[in-house]
């Protein structure tokens, strides 16, 4: 899965005040217009620039490629339970067959049997596996999970997000995105 980021759009990578990206997936990017506005409002520092200049009658300005917030934004300690975050935790693959197509939510203990919509009871499943399992438990359906579900930390989601970089990464961003060693996909 890729995010469509056109190099022609000249987005700016947004870093927190500690020079870490606000988010890996989706990658924390601002349009060049929003980045310039933040510079003029004195909310960010320019860390790196593109070789492209925008001009007005009274000034010219190099487009920022990386900006850092002047005020630290405290990251959430507990990620929100959302469909997207479940997919990200499960690395956008069916937890039964490994498919990356036609993904859905699956309750291990079906809702019809009292199952809750929680991190520990929901996994990513492709539609065929979800239909096969139906309103049975994993054992009743004779299926096997690749990974048991868990409540991820923000760091878990960030690490998984690094596995799905956008299709465009400007060279000036690389020092801020992958400072940890290789990740196991």
Protein backbone atom coordinates (compact mmCIF):
# COMPACT_ATOMS: atom_id res chain seq x y z
CA UNK A 1 0.00 0.00 0.00
CA UNK A 2 1.42 3.42 -0.92
CA UNK A 3 0.41 6.97 -0.34
CA UNK A 4 0.31 9.09 -3.46
CA UNK A 5 2.70 11.96 -2.82
CA UNK A 6 3.81 13.80 -5.90
CA UNK A 7 7.32 15.21 -5.82
CA UNK A 8 5.92 18.10 -7.83
CA UNK A 9 3.73 19.04 -4.86
CA UNK A 10 6.83 19.87 -2.75
CA UNK A 11 5.38 18.82 0.62
CA UNK A 12 7.26 19.54 3.83
CA UNK A 13 8.04 16.80 6.32
CA UNK A 14 6.77 17.93 9.74
CA UNK A 15 8.88 17.04 12.76
CA UNK A 16 8.02 17.50 16.40
CA UNK A 17 10.25 19.81 18.45
CA UNK A 18 12.44 16.76 19.22
CA UNK A 19 13.04 16.26 15.47
CA UNK A 20 10.96 13.07 15.23
CA UNK A 21 8.14 12.85 12.70
CA UNK A 22 4.70 13.47 14.16
CA UNK A 23 3.53 10.35 12.33
CA UNK A 24 5.00 7.68 10.09
CA UNK A 25 1.81 6.40 8.58
CA UNK A 26 0.44 8.46 7.25
CA UNK A 27 3.68 10.37 7.04
CA UNK A 28 3.38 13.80 8.65
CA UNK A 29 3.48 16.09 5.63
CA UNK A 30 2.18 19.59 5.01
CA UNK A 31 1.60 21.27 1.69
CA UNK A 32 4.22 23.86 0.81
CA UNK A 33 1.55 26.54 1.35
CA UNK A 34 0.83 25.35 4.91
CA UNK A 35 4.54 25.10 5.66
CA UNK A 36 5.15 28.71 4.52
CA UNK A 37 2.16 29.91 6.53
CA UNK A 38 3.56 28.17 9.66
CA UNK A 39 6.96 29.82 9.04
CA UNK A 40 5.38 33.28 8.84
CA UNK A 41 3.30 32.60 11.96
CA UNK A 42 6.58 31.64 13.71
CA UNK A 43 5.28 28.16 14.63
CA UNK A 44 8.08 26.16 12.96
CA UNK A 45 11.79 26.22 12.25
CA UNK A 46 13.00 25.45 8.75
CA UNK A 47 15.35 22.46 8.90
CA UNK A 48 15.89 21.90 5.18
CA UNK A 49 14.78 23.52 1.92
CA UNK A 50 14.08 22.55 -1.65
CA UNK A 51 15.98 24.25 -4.47
CA UNK A 52 12.70 25.84 -5.54
CA UNK A 53 11.85 29.48 -4.86
CA UNK A 54 8.41 31.09 -4.72
CA UNK A 55 8.17 34.80 -5.40
CA UNK A 56 5.83 37.64 -4.68
CA UNK A 57 6.29 41.28 -5.67
CA UNK A 58 8.03 42.02 -2.36
CA UNK A 59 10.08 38.90 -1.54
CA UNK A 60 11.25 35.48 -2.59
CA UNK A 61 11.26 32.40 -0.43
CA UNK A 62 12.82 28.92 -0.77
CA UNK A 63 10.28 26.18 -0.14
CA UNK A 64 10.88 24.26 3.09
CA UNK A 65 11.33 20.50 2.68
CA UNK A 66 11.60 19.77 6.43
CA UNK A 67 10.20 21.85 9.28
CA UNK A 68 10.21 21.28 13.03
CA UNK A 69 7.58 22.53 15.42
CA UNK A 70 8.76 25.14 17.91
CA UNK A 71 6.47 23.71 20.59
CA UNK A 72 6.67 20.04 21.49
CA UNK A 73 3.44 18.11 20.88
CA UNK A 74 3.18 15.30 23.40
CA UNK A 75 2.40 12.08 21.52
CA UNK A 76 -0.60 10.10 22.62
CA UNK A 77 0.42 7.18 24.83
CA UNK A 78 -2.45 4.99 23.72
CA UNK A 79 -3.40 4.93 20.06
CA UNK A 80 -7.06 5.27 19.20
CA UNK A 81 -8.91 2.10 18.32
CA UNK A 82 -9.75 2.65 14.67
CA UNK A 83 -10.10 0.38 11.67
CA UNK A 84 -7.00 1.97 10.14
CA UNK A 85 -4.93 1.38 13.30
CA UNK A 86 -6.05 -2.27 13.46
CA UNK A 87 -4.95 -2.69 9.83
CA UNK A 88 -1.65 -0.96 10.61
CA UNK A 89 -1.07 -3.13 13.71
CA UNK A 90 -1.70 -6.20 11.53
CA UNK A 91 0.53 -4.82 8.75
CA UNK A 92 -2.32 -4.60 6.26
CA UNK A 93 -2.60 -8.37 5.89
CA UNK A 94 -5.24 -10.97 6.67
CA UNK A 95 -4.37 -12.66 9.95
CA UNK A 96 -5.68 -15.97 8.60
CA UNK A 97 -4.27 -16.31 5.06
CA UNK A 98 -1.89 -13.35 4.67
CA UNK A 99 -3.78 -11.72 1.78
CA UNK A 100 -3.48 -7.95 1.41
CA UNK A 101 -6.63 -7.62 -0.73
CA UNK A 102 -10.19 -6.69 0.26
CA UNK A 103 -9.43 -6.24 3.98
CA UNK A 104 -12.08 -6.12 6.68
CA UNK A 105 -12.44 -6.29 10.46
CA UNK A 106 -13.06 -9.67 12.12
CA UNK A 107 -14.18 -10.29 15.70
CA UNK A 108 -12.48 -13.42 17.10
CA UNK A 109 -15.40 -13.95 19.45
CA UNK A 110 -18.28 -12.88 17.19
CA UNK A 111 -20.44 -10.00 18.30
CA UNK A 112 -23.42 -12.36 18.06
CA UNK A 113 -21.77 -14.38 20.87
CA UNK A 114 -20.99 -11.36 23.05
CA UNK A 115 -17.61 -10.47 21.54
CA UNK A 116 -16.48 -6.90 22.10
CA UNK A 117 -14.89 -4.50 19.64
CA UNK A 118 -11.51 -4.27 21.39
CA UNK A 119 -7.87 -4.52 20.38
CA UNK A 120 -7.71 -8.05 21.80
CA UNK A 121 -10.82 -9.32 19.95
CA UNK A 122 -10.47 -7.75 16.49
CA UNK A 123 -8.10 -8.70 13.68
CA UNK A 124 -7.64 -7.83 10.04
CA UNK A 125 -9.20 -10.40 7.72
CA UNK A 126 -9.78 -10.55 4.00
CA UNK A 127 -13.42 -10.82 2.94
CA UNK A 128 -13.16 -14.50 1.91
CA UNK A 129 -11.71 -15.52 5.29
CA UNK A 130 -14.19 -13.33 7.16
CA UNK A 131 -17.06 -14.97 5.26
CA UNK A 132 -15.60 -18.44 5.87
CA UNK A 133 -15.31 -17.81 9.61
CA UNK A 134 -18.79 -16.22 9.72
CA UNK A 135 -20.20 -16.07 13.26
CA UNK A 136 -17.96 -18.83 14.64
CA UNK A 137 -14.93 -18.61 16.86
CA UNK A 138 -11.55 -19.26 15.30
CA UNK A 139 -11.50 -22.80 16.70
CA UNK A 140 -15.06 -23.57 15.60
CA UNK A 141 -14.18 -22.44 12.07
CA UNK A 142 -11.01 -24.57 12.05
CA UNK A 143 -8.89 -21.52 11.23
CA UNK A 144 -5.49 -20.46 12.59
CA UNK A 145 -4.31 -16.93 13.39
CA UNK A 146 -0.88 -15.75 12.19
CA UNK A 147 -0.62 -13.39 15.17
CA UNK A 148 -2.78 -12.99 18.26
CA UNK A 149 -4.25 -9.51 18.60
CA UNK A 150 -2.96 -7.05 21.19
CA UNK A 151 -3.34 -3.42 22.16
CA UNK A 152 -0.42 -1.77 20.32
CA UNK A 153 1.64 1.08 21.63
CA UNK A 154 2.20 4.20 19.57
CA UNK A 155 5.73 2.90 18.98
CA UNK A 156 4.34 -0.40 17.59
CA UNK A 157 2.24 1.54 15.08
CA UNK A 158 5.15 3.84 14.18
CA UNK A 159 7.41 0.84 13.59
CA UNK A 160 4.81 -0.79 11.36
CA UNK A 161 4.21 2.50 9.57
CA UNK A 162 7.88 2.57 8.59
CA UNK A 163 7.26 -0.58 6.58
CA UNK A 164 4.90 1.32 4.25
CA UNK A 165 6.75 4.43 3.05
CA UNK A 166 5.05 6.71 0.57
CA UNK A 167 6.06 6.36 -3.05
CA UNK A 168 8.05 9.58 -2.78
CA UNK A 169 10.63 10.32 -0.08
CA UNK A 170 12.72 13.43 -0.61
CA UNK A 171 16.42 12.98 0.20
CA UNK A 172 16.24 15.71 2.87
CA UNK A 173 13.69 13.62 4.81
CA UNK A 174 15.68 10.41 5.10
CA UNK A 175 17.80 11.40 8.11
CA UNK A 176 14.62 11.91 10.12
CA UNK A 177 12.64 8.85 9.06
CA UNK A 178 14.74 5.73 9.42
CA UNK A 179 17.30 6.28 12.16
CA UNK A 180 16.44 2.94 13.78
CA UNK A 181 18.04 -0.11 12.24
CA UNK A 182 16.22 -2.43 9.87
CA UNK A 183 12.74 -3.57 10.81
CA UNK A 184 11.50 -7.10 10.40
CA UNK A 185 8.49 -7.03 8.05
